[in-house]
Amino acid sequence: MGTDAKTEASIEAAGRPDTARPERFEDILARLRGLVDRLEGGNLPLEDSLRAFEEGMELCRRGTVILDGAEKKVETLLAAGRTAPFEHEDKAAGDK
């Protein structure tokens, strides 16, 4: 039907996160870039394009969850008074 088994298998496998370790944002971003490249190539049949688009939307959702978690962690650290050491250096430089 125009769908090669390798393309279909890679689209399907990429949609499943590795449960052995937490997903890294950088890995999600790399997979998204690969999907965009394939979609922009224009050589995928419609069904594969739709699957790739659906996978891309899922990767975006998972990436957003990771980014939201990182943002909350930074907010928590800032609220606890744990600021970056650069702030202290700036104050010391201004005192001279």
PDB file of N, CA and C in Angstrom:
ATOM      1  N   MET A   1       0.809  -1.198   0.000  1.00  0.00           N
ATOM      2  CA  MET A   1       0.000   0.000   0.000  1.00  0.00           C
ATOM      3  C   MET A   1       0.850   1.258   0.000  1.00  0.00           C
ATOM      4  N   GLY A   2       2.118   1.164  -0.303  1.00  0.00           N
ATOM      5  CA  GLY A   2       2.960   2.339  -0.328  1.00  0.00           C
ATOM      6  C   GLY A   2       3.670   2.596   1.000  1.00  0.00           C
ATOM      7  N   THR A   3       3.270   1.909   2.057  1.00  0.00           N
ATOM      8  CA  THR A   3       3.897   2.093   3.361  1.00  0.00           C
ATOM      9  C   THR A   3       4.984   1.059   3.512  1.00  0.00           C
ATOM     10  N   ASP A   4       6.228   1.523   3.720  1.00  0.00           N
ATOM     11  CA  ASP A   4       7.254   0.518   3.947  1.00  0.00           C
ATOM     12  C   ASP A   4       7.278   0.170   5.429  1.00  0.00           C
ATOM     13  N   ALA A   5       7.587  -1.073   5.721  1.00  0.00           N
ATOM     14  CA  ALA A   5       7.512  -1.599   7.087  1.00  0.00           C
ATOM     15  C   ALA A   5       8.460  -0.881   8.025  1.00  0.00           C
ATOM     16  N   LYS A   6       9.621  -0.469   7.523  1.00  0.00           N
ATOM     17  CA  LYS A   6      10.610   0.209   8.365  1.00  0.00           C
ATOM     18  C   LYS A   6      10.076   1.558   8.847  1.00  0.00           C
ATOM     19  N   THR A   7       9.481   2.333   7.944  1.00  0.00           N
ATOM     20  CA  THR A   7       8.921   3.638   8.321  1.00  0.00           C
ATOM     21  C   THR A   7       7.816   3.467   9.340  1.00  0.00           C
ATOM     22  N   GLU A   8       6.918   2.527   9.099  1.00  0.00           N
ATOM     23  CA  GLU A   8       5.802   2.288  10.004  1.00  0.00           C
ATOM     24  C   GLU A   8       6.291   1.831  11.376  1.00  0.00           C
ATOM     25  N   ALA A   9       7.284   0.948  11.394  1.00  0.00           N
ATOM     26  CA  ALA A   9       7.811   0.450  12.663  1.00  0.00           C
ATOM     27  C   ALA A   9       8.497   1.564  13.439  1.00  0.00           C
ATOM     28  N   SER A  10       9.233   2.442  12.747  1.00  0.00           N
ATOM     29  CA  SER A  10       9.923   3.519  13.457  1.00  0.00           C
ATOM     30  C   SER A  10       8.934   4.534  14.004  1.00  0.00           C
ATOM     31  N   ILE A  11       7.870   4.818  13.276  1.00  0.00           N
ATOM     32  CA  ILE A  11       6.841   5.735  13.763  1.00  0.00           C
ATOM     33  C   ILE A  11       6.173   5.140  14.993  1.00  0.00           C
ATOM     34  N   GLU A  12       5.840   3.859  14.926  1.00  0.00           N
ATOM     35  CA  GLU A  12       5.163   3.203  16.045  1.00  0.00           C
ATOM     36  C   GLU A  12       6.075   3.095  17.266  1.00  0.00           C
ATOM     37  N   ALA A  13       7.329   2.697  17.070  1.00  0.00           N
ATOM     38  CA  ALA A  13       8.255   2.534  18.191  1.00  0.00           C
ATOM     39  C   ALA A  13       8.581   3.872  18.833  1.00  0.00           C
ATOM     40  N   ALA A  14       8.682   4.923  18.042  1.00  0.00           N
ATOM     41  CA  ALA A  14       9.021   6.238  18.581  1.00  0.00           C
ATOM     42  C   ALA A  14       7.905   6.779  19.454  1.00  0.00           C
ATOM     43  N   GLY A  15       6.711   6.307  19.279  1.00  0.00           N
ATOM     44  CA  GLY A  15       5.590   6.778  20.080  1.00  0.00           C
ATOM     45  C   GLY A  15       5.540   6.195  21.475  1.00  0.00           C
ATOM     46  N   ARG A  16       6.357   5.183  21.731  1.00  0.00           N
ATOM     47  CA  ARG A  16       6.361   4.540  23.053  1.00  0.00           C
ATOM     48  C   ARG A  16       7.594   4.964  23.824  1.00  0.00           C
ATOM     49  N   PRO A  17       7.401   5.575  24.988  1.00  0.00           N
ATOM     50  CA  PRO A  17       8.563   5.958  25.785  1.00  0.00           C
ATOM     51  C   PRO A  17       9.258   4.742  26.380  1.00  0.00           C
ATOM     52  N   ASP A  18      10.562   4.842  26.577  1.00  0.00           N
ATOM     53  CA  ASP A  18      11.349   3.792  27.215  1.00  0.00           C
ATOM     54  C   ASP A  18      11.040   3.839  28.703  1.00  0.00           C
ATOM     55  N   THR A  19      10.474   2.765  29.243  1.00  0.00           N
ATOM     56  CA  THR A  19      10.069   2.766  30.645  1.00  0.00           C
ATOM     57  C   THR A  19      11.233   2.464  31.585  1.00  0.00           C
ATOM     58  N   ALA A  20      12.406   2.101  31.060  1.00  0.00           N
ATOM     59  CA  ALA A  20      13.552   1.777  31.898  1.00  0.00           C
ATOM     60  C   ALA A  20      14.176   3.028  32.514  1.00  0.00           C
ATOM     61  N   ARG A  21      14.055   4.176  31.858  1.00  0.00           N
ATOM     62  CA  ARG A  21      14.621   5.417  32.383  1.00  0.00           C
ATOM     63  C   ARG A  21      13.689   6.570  32.025  1.00  0.00           C
ATOM     64  N   PRO A  22      13.767   7.649  32.792  1.00  0.00           N
ATOM     65  CA  PRO A  22      12.913   8.797  32.478  1.00  0.00           C
ATOM     66  C   PRO A  22      13.255   9.378  31.109  1.00  0.00           C
ATOM     67  N   GLU A  23      12.256   9.892  30.461  1.00  0.00           N
ATOM     68  CA  GLU A  23      12.449  10.495  29.144  1.00  0.00           C
ATOM     69  C   GLU A  23      13.182  11.826  29.291  1.00  0.00           C
ATOM     70  N   ARG A  24      14.122  12.077  28.417  1.00  0.00           N
ATOM     71  CA  ARG A  24      14.860  13.338  28.443  1.00  0.00           C
ATOM     72  C   ARG A  24      14.259  14.300  27.429  1.00  0.00           C
ATOM     73  N   PHE A  25      14.196  15.562  27.797  1.00  0.00           N
ATOM     74  CA  PHE A  25      13.649  16.585  26.915  1.00  0.00           C
ATOM     75  C   PHE A  25      14.419  16.626  25.598  1.00  0.00           C
ATOM     76  N   GLU A  26      15.732  16.491  25.675  1.00  0.00           N
ATOM     77  CA  GLU A  26      16.572  16.540  24.482  1.00  0.00           C
ATOM     78  C   GLU A  26      16.244  15.403  23.512  1.00  0.00           C
ATOM     79  N   ASP A  27      15.911  14.227  24.061  1.00  0.00           N
ATOM     80  CA  ASP A  27      15.534  13.092  23.214  1.00  0.00           C
ATOM     81  C   ASP A  27      14.211  13.363  22.508  1.00  0.00           C
ATOM     82  N   ILE A  28      13.274  13.924  23.250  1.00  0.00           N
ATOM     83  CA  ILE A  28      11.968  14.261  22.664  1.00  0.00           C
ATOM     84  C   ILE A  28      12.158  15.281  21.544  1.00  0.00           C
ATOM     85  N   LEU A  29      12.967  16.293  21.804  1.00  0.00           N
ATOM     86  CA  LEU A  29      13.202  17.335  20.810  1.00  0.00           C
ATOM     87  C   LEU A  29      13.851  16.761  19.555  1.00  0.00           C
ATOM     88  N   ALA A  30      14.802  15.855  19.720  1.00  0.00           N
ATOM     89  CA  ALA A  30      15.459  15.228  18.567  1.00  0.00           C
ATOM     90  C   ALA A  30      14.451  14.418  17.754  1.00  0.00           C
ATOM     91  N   ARG A  31      13.582  13.693  18.444  1.00  0.00           N
ATOM     92  CA  ARG A  31      12.568  12.909  17.731  1.00  0.00           C
ATOM     93  C   ARG A  31      11.588  13.817  17.003  1.00  0.00           C
ATOM     94  N   LEU A  32      11.235  14.929  17.620  1.00  0.00           N
ATOM     95  CA  LEU A  32      10.348  15.887  16.953  1.00  0.00           C
ATOM     96  C   LEU A  32      10.998  16.447  15.694  1.00  0.00           C
ATOM     97  N   ARG A  33      12.270  16.785  15.791  1.00  0.00           N
ATOM     98  CA  ARG A  33      12.980  17.312  14.618  1.00  0.00           C
ATOM     99  C   ARG A  33      13.007  16.285  13.484  1.00  0.00           C
ATOM    100  N   GLY A  34      13.218  15.015  13.848  1.00  0.00           N
ATOM    101  CA  GLY A  34      13.206  13.960  12.836  1.00  0.00           C
ATOM    102  C   GLY A  34      11.847  13.835  12.162  1.00  0.00           C
ATOM    103  N   LEU A  35      10.788  13.923  12.964  1.00  0.00           N
ATOM    104  CA  LEU A  35       9.437  13.856  12.398  1.00  0.00           C
ATOM    105  C   LEU A  35       9.175  15.027  11.467  1.00  0.00           C
ATOM    106  N   VAL A  36       9.572  16.213  11.885  1.00  0.00           N
ATOM    107  CA  VAL A  36       9.365  17.405  11.057  1.00  0.00           C
ATOM    108  C   VAL A  36      10.106  17.256   9.739  1.00  0.00           C
ATOM    109  N   ASP A  37      11.340  16.780   9.790  1.00  0.00           N
ATOM    110  CA  ASP A  37      12.113  16.583   8.561  1.00  0.00           C
ATOM    111  C   ASP A  37      11.404  15.613   7.616  1.00  0.00           C
ATOM    112  N   ARG A  38      10.904  14.503   8.183  1.00  0.00           N
ATOM    113  CA  ARG A  38      10.210  13.516   7.340  1.00  0.00           C
ATOM    114  C   ARG A  38       8.930  14.097   6.762  1.00  0.00           C
ATOM    115  N   LEU A  39       8.182  14.827   7.580  1.00  0.00           N
ATOM    116  CA  LEU A  39       6.933  15.415   7.091  1.00  0.00           C
ATOM    117  C   LEU A  39       7.194  16.479   6.032  1.00  0.00           C
ATOM    118  N   GLU A  40       8.216  17.299   6.249  1.00  0.00           N
ATOM    119  CA  GLU A  40       8.537  18.341   5.282  1.00  0.00           C
ATOM    120  C   GLU A  40       9.088  17.769   3.982  1.00  0.00           C
ATOM    121  N   GLY A  41       9.633  16.559   4.045  1.00  0.00           N
ATOM    122  CA  GLY A  41      10.149  15.918   2.840  1.00  0.00           C
ATOM    123  C   GLY A  41       9.052  15.641   1.824  1.00  0.00           C
ATOM    124  N   GLY A  42       7.834  15.485   2.297  1.00  0.00           N
ATOM    125  CA  GLY A  42       6.704  15.287   1.400  1.00  0.00           C
ATOM    126  C   GLY A  42       6.635  13.925   0.745  1.00  0.00           C
ATOM    127  N   ASN A  43       7.427  12.960   1.190  1.00  0.00           N
ATOM    128  CA  ASN A  43       7.454  11.646   0.549  1.00  0.00           C
ATOM    129  C   ASN A  43       6.651  10.590   1.284  1.00  0.00           C
ATOM    130  N   LEU A  44       6.010  10.945   2.390  1.00  0.00           N
ATOM    131  CA  LEU A  44       5.229   9.974   3.145  1.00  0.00           C
ATOM    132  C   LEU A  44       3.813   9.890   2.607  1.00  0.00           C
ATOM    133  N   PRO A  45       3.267   8.696   2.564  1.00  0.00           N
ATOM    134  CA  PRO A  45       1.859   8.572   2.211  1.00  0.00           C
ATOM    135  C   PRO A  45       0.999   9.263   3.280  1.00  0.00           C
ATOM    136  N   LEU A  46      -0.207   9.599   2.938  1.00  0.00           N
ATOM    137  CA  LEU A  46      -1.095  10.332   3.831  1.00  0.00           C
ATOM    138  C   LEU A  46      -1.240   9.652   5.186  1.00  0.00           C
ATOM    139  N   GLU A  47      -1.432   8.334   5.198  1.00  0.00           N
ATOM    140  CA  GLU A  47      -1.614   7.608   6.455  1.00  0.00           C
ATOM    141  C   GLU A  47      -0.394   7.737   7.355  1.00  0.00           C
ATOM    142  N   ASP A  48       0.796   7.630   6.771  1.00  0.00           N
ATOM    143  CA  ASP A  48       2.034   7.773   7.545  1.00  0.00           C
ATOM    144  C   ASP A  48       2.210   9.203   8.030  1.00  0.00           C
ATOM    145  N   SER A  49       1.846  10.152   7.197  1.00  0.00           N
ATOM    146  CA  SER A  49       1.925  11.558   7.598  1.00  0.00           C
ATOM    147  C   SER A  49       1.024  11.835   8.784  1.00  0.00           C
ATOM    148  N   LEU A  50      -0.175  11.289   8.757  1.00  0.00           N
ATOM    149  CA  LEU A  50      -1.104  11.490   9.873  1.00  0.00           C
ATOM    150  C   LEU A  50      -0.584  10.840  11.145  1.00  0.00           C
ATOM    151  N   ARG A  51      -0.008   9.642  11.031  1.00  0.00           N
ATOM    152  CA  ARG A  51       0.575   8.982  12.206  1.00  0.00           C
ATOM    153  C   ARG A  51       1.757   9.780  12.756  1.00  0.00           C
ATOM    154  N   ALA A  52       2.588  10.287  11.861  1.00  0.00           N
ATOM    155  CA  ALA A  52       3.735  11.077  12.287  1.00  0.00           C
ATOM    156  C   ALA A  52       3.270  12.369  12.962  1.00  0.00           C
ATOM    157  N   PHE A  53       2.231  12.993  12.421  1.00  0.00           N
ATOM    158  CA  PHE A  53       1.686  14.200  13.030  1.00  0.00           C
ATOM    159  C   PHE A  53       1.132  13.895  14.418  1.00  0.00           C
ATOM    160  N   GLU A  54       0.407  12.792  14.528  1.00  0.00           N
ATOM    161  CA  GLU A  54      -0.155  12.393  15.819  1.00  0.00           C
ATOM    162  C   GLU A  54       0.964  12.125  16.833  1.00  0.00           C
ATOM    163  N   GLU A  55       2.008  11.455  16.395  1.00  0.00           N
ATOM    164  CA  GLU A  55       3.145  11.193  17.270  1.00  0.00           C
ATOM    165  C   GLU A  55       3.803  12.503  17.698  1.00  0.00           C
ATOM    166  N   GLY A  56       3.936  13.423  16.756  1.00  0.00           N
ATOM    167  CA  GLY A  56       4.522  14.722  17.070  1.00  0.00           C
ATOM    168  C   GLY A  56       3.716  15.471  18.113  1.00  0.00           C
ATOM    169  N   MET A  57       2.403  15.397  18.026  1.00  0.00           N
ATOM    170  CA  MET A  57       1.552  16.063  19.018  1.00  0.00           C
ATOM    171  C   MET A  57       1.740  15.424  20.393  1.00  0.00           C
ATOM    172  N   GLU A  58       1.881  14.109  20.439  1.00  0.00           N
ATOM    173  CA  GLU A  58       2.111  13.414  21.712  1.00  0.00           C
ATOM    174  C   GLU A  58       3.482  13.784  22.281  1.00  0.00           C
ATOM    175  N   LEU A  59       4.493  13.856  21.429  1.00  0.00           N
ATOM    176  CA  LEU A  59       5.824  14.261  21.883  1.00  0.00           C
ATOM    177  C   LEU A  59       5.796  15.690  22.423  1.00  0.00           C
ATOM    178  N   CYS A  60       5.047  16.568  21.770  1.00  0.00           N
ATOM    179  CA  CYS A  60       4.905  17.949  22.260  1.00  0.00           C
ATOM    180  C   CYS A  60       4.275  17.958  23.646  1.00  0.00           C
ATOM    181  N   ARG A  61       3.263  17.134  23.837  1.00  0.00           N
ATOM    182  CA  ARG A  61       2.597  17.077  25.141  1.00  0.00           C
ATOM    183  C   ARG A  61       3.579  16.609  26.216  1.00  0.00           C
ATOM    184  N   ARG A  62       4.330  15.547  25.919  1.00  0.00           N
ATOM    185  CA  ARG A  62       5.282  15.024  26.901  1.00  0.00           C
ATOM    186  C   ARG A  62       6.417  16.006  27.164  1.00  0.00           C
ATOM    187  N   GLY A  63       6.864  16.708  26.137  1.00  0.00           N
ATOM    188  CA  GLY A  63       7.893  17.719  26.312  1.00  0.00           C
ATOM    189  C   GLY A  63       7.402  18.871  27.179  1.00  0.00           C
ATOM    190  N   THR A  64       6.155  19.247  26.987  1.00  0.00           N
ATOM    191  CA  THR A  64       5.560  20.317  27.801  1.00  0.00           C
ATOM    192  C   THR A  64       5.494  19.912  29.264  1.00  0.00           C
ATOM    193  N   VAL A  65       5.169  18.653  29.530  1.00  0.00           N
ATOM    194  CA  VAL A  65       5.130  18.164  30.911  1.00  0.00           C
ATOM    195  C   VAL A  65       6.518  18.278  31.550  1.00  0.00           C
ATOM    196  N   ILE A  66       7.550  17.909  30.812  1.00  0.00           N
ATOM    197  CA  ILE A  66       8.920  17.995  31.332  1.00  0.00           C
ATOM    198  C   ILE A  66       9.301  19.450  31.587  1.00  0.00           C
ATOM    199  N   LEU A  67       8.992  20.341  30.639  1.00  0.00           N
ATOM    200  CA  LEU A  67       9.318  21.757  30.811  1.00  0.00           C
ATOM    201  C   LEU A  67       8.562  22.369  31.987  1.00  0.00           C
ATOM    202  N   ASP A  68       7.287  22.008  32.132  1.00  0.00           N
ATOM    203  CA  ASP A  68       6.502  22.506  33.263  1.00  0.00           C
ATOM    204  C   ASP A  68       7.113  22.061  34.587  1.00  0.00           C
ATOM    205  N   GLY A  69       7.569  20.820  34.647  1.00  0.00           N
ATOM    206  CA  GLY A  69       8.210  20.307  35.857  1.00  0.00           C
ATOM    207  C   GLY A  69       9.495  21.058  36.168  1.00  0.00           C
ATOM    208  N   ALA A  70      10.273  21.352  35.136  1.00  0.00           N
ATOM    209  CA  ALA A  70      11.519  22.098  35.336  1.00  0.00           C
ATOM    210  C   ALA A  70      11.222  23.514  35.820  1.00  0.00           C
ATOM    211  N   GLU A  71      10.197  24.121  35.260  1.00  0.00           N
ATOM    212  CA  GLU A  71       9.816  25.478  35.676  1.00  0.00           C
ATOM    213  C   GLU A  71       9.387  25.498  37.142  1.00  0.00           C
ATOM    214  N   LYS A  72       8.604  24.508  37.553  1.00  0.00           N
ATOM    215  CA  LYS A  72       8.170  24.433  38.947  1.00  0.00           C
ATOM    216  C   LYS A  72       9.350  24.230  39.885  1.00  0.00           C
ATOM    217  N   LYS A  73      10.316  23.429  39.452  1.00  0.00           N
ATOM    218  CA  LYS A  73      11.500  23.190  40.273  1.00  0.00           C
ATOM    219  C   LYS A  73      12.302  24.479  40.453  1.00  0.00           C
ATOM    220  N   VAL A  74      12.466  25.243  39.377  1.00  0.00           N
ATOM    221  CA  VAL A  74      13.182  26.512  39.455  1.00  0.00           C
ATOM    222  C   VAL A  74      12.439  27.474  40.378  1.00  0.00           C
ATOM    223  N   GLU A  75      11.116  27.542  40.240  1.00  0.00           N
ATOM    224  CA  GLU A  75      10.317  28.417  41.105  1.00  0.00           C
ATOM    225  C   GLU A  75      10.457  28.018  42.570  1.00  0.00           C
ATOM    226  N   THR A  76      10.466  26.716  42.835  1.00  0.00           N
ATOM    227  CA  THR A  76      10.623  26.225  44.205  1.00  0.00           C
ATOM    228  C   THR A  76      11.989  26.614  44.764  1.00  0.00           C
ATOM    229  N   LEU A  77      13.034  26.440  43.964  1.00  0.00           N
ATOM    230  CA  LEU A  77      14.377  26.800  44.404  1.00  0.00           C
ATOM    231  C   LEU A  77      14.493  28.306  44.667  1.00  0.00           C
ATOM    232  N   LEU A  78      13.908  29.098  43.799  1.00  0.00           N
ATOM    233  CA  LEU A  78      13.964  30.546  43.997  1.00  0.00           C
ATOM    234  C   LEU A  78      13.174  30.964  45.232  1.00  0.00           C
ATOM    235  N   ALA A  79      12.026  30.339  45.452  1.00  0.00           N
ATOM    236  CA  ALA A  79      11.204  30.663  46.616  1.00  0.00           C
ATOM    237  C   ALA A  79      11.898  30.267  47.914  1.00  0.00           C
ATOM    238  N   ALA A  80      12.726  29.240  47.868  1.00  0.00           N
ATOM    239  CA  ALA A  80      13.436  28.779  49.059  1.00  0.00           C
ATOM    240  C   ALA A  80      14.698  29.599  49.321  1.00  0.00           C
ATOM    241  N   GLY A  81      14.946  30.602  48.492  1.00  0.00           N
ATOM    242  CA  GLY A  81      16.111  31.445  48.682  1.00  0.00           C
ATOM    243  C   GLY A  81      17.378  30.896  48.085  1.00  0.00           C
ATOM    244  N   ARG A  82      17.274  29.869  47.292  1.00  0.00           N
ATOM    245  CA  ARG A  82      18.454  29.281  46.648  1.00  0.00           C
ATOM    246  C   ARG A  82      18.633  29.931  45.280  1.00  0.00           C
ATOM    247  N   THR A  83      19.303  31.059  45.260  1.00  0.00           N
ATOM    248  CA  THR A  83      19.502  31.751  43.996  1.00  0.00           C
ATOM    249  C   THR A  83      20.854  31.393  43.414  1.00  0.00           C
ATOM    250  N   ALA A  84      21.047  31.742  42.187  1.00  0.00           N
ATOM    251  CA  ALA A  84      22.290  31.428  41.486  1.00  0.00           C
ATOM    252  C   ALA A  84      23.456  32.192  42.104  1.00  0.00           C
ATOM    253  N   PRO A  85      24.651  31.621  42.113  1.00  0.00           N
ATOM    254  CA  PRO A  85      25.811  32.290  42.705  1.00  0.00           C
ATOM    255  C   PRO A  85      26.181  33.583  41.985  1.00  0.00           C
ATOM    256  N   PHE A  86      25.736  33.771  40.755  1.00  0.00           N
ATOM    257  CA  PHE A  86      26.064  34.978  40.010  1.00  0.00           C
ATOM    258  C   PHE A  86      25.532  36.228  40.713  1.00  0.00           C
ATOM    259  N   GLU A  87      24.414  36.089  41.406  1.00  0.00           N
ATOM    260  CA  GLU A  87      23.829  37.223  42.092  1.00  0.00           C
ATOM    261  C   GLU A  87      24.797  37.753  43.144  1.00  0.00           C
ATOM    262  N   HIS A  88      25.452  36.876  43.862  1.00  0.00           N
ATOM    263  CA  HIS A  88      26.405  37.283  44.888  1.00  0.00           C
ATOM    264  C   HIS A  88      27.625  37.943  44.267  1.00  0.00           C
ATOM    265  N   GLU A  89      28.074  37.442  43.123  1.00  0.00           N
ATOM    266  CA  GLU A  89      29.230  38.019  42.457  1.00  0.00           C
ATOM    267  C   GLU A  89      28.932  39.441  41.995  1.00  0.00           C
ATOM    268  N   ASP A  90      27.721  39.673  41.457  1.00  0.00           N
ATOM    269  CA  ASP A  90      27.336  41.005  40.999  1.00  0.00           C
ATOM    270  C   ASP A  90      27.344  41.998  42.158  1.00  0.00           C
ATOM    271  N   LYS A  91      26.826  41.585  43.324  1.00  0.00           N
ATOM    272  CA  LYS A  91      26.795  42.463  44.474  1.00  0.00           C
ATOM    273  C   LYS A  91      28.215  42.779  44.932  1.00  0.00           C
ATOM    274  N   ALA A  92      29.090  41.780  44.919  1.00  0.00           N
ATOM    275  CA  ALA A  92      30.477  41.976  45.344  1.00  0.00           C
ATOM    276  C   ALA A  92      31.186  42.917  44.380  1.00  0.00           C
ATOM    277  N   ALA A  93      30.924  42.799  43.100  1.00  0.00           N
ATOM    278  CA  ALA A  93      31.572  43.661  42.101  1.00  0.00           C
ATOM    279  C   ALA A  93      31.100  45.090  42.254  1.00  0.00           C
ATOM    280  N   GLY A  94      29.849  45.304  42.634  1.00  0.00           N
ATOM    281  CA  GLY A  94      29.304  46.638  42.809  1.00  0.00           C
ATOM    282  C   GLY A  94      29.825  47.313  44.053  1.00  0.00           C
ATOM    283  N   ASP A  95      30.301  46.548  45.039  1.00  0.00           N
ATOM    284  CA  ASP A  95      30.802  47.105  46.284  1.00  0.00           C
ATOM    285  C   ASP A  95      32.207  47.642  46.155  1.00  0.00           C
ATOM    286  N   LYS A  96      32.935  47.253  45.121  1.00  0.00           N
ATOM    287  CA  LYS A  96      34.345  47.639  44.981  1.00  0.00           C
ATOM    288  C   LYS A  96      34.495  49.066  44.534  1.00  0.00           C
TER     289      LYS A  96
END
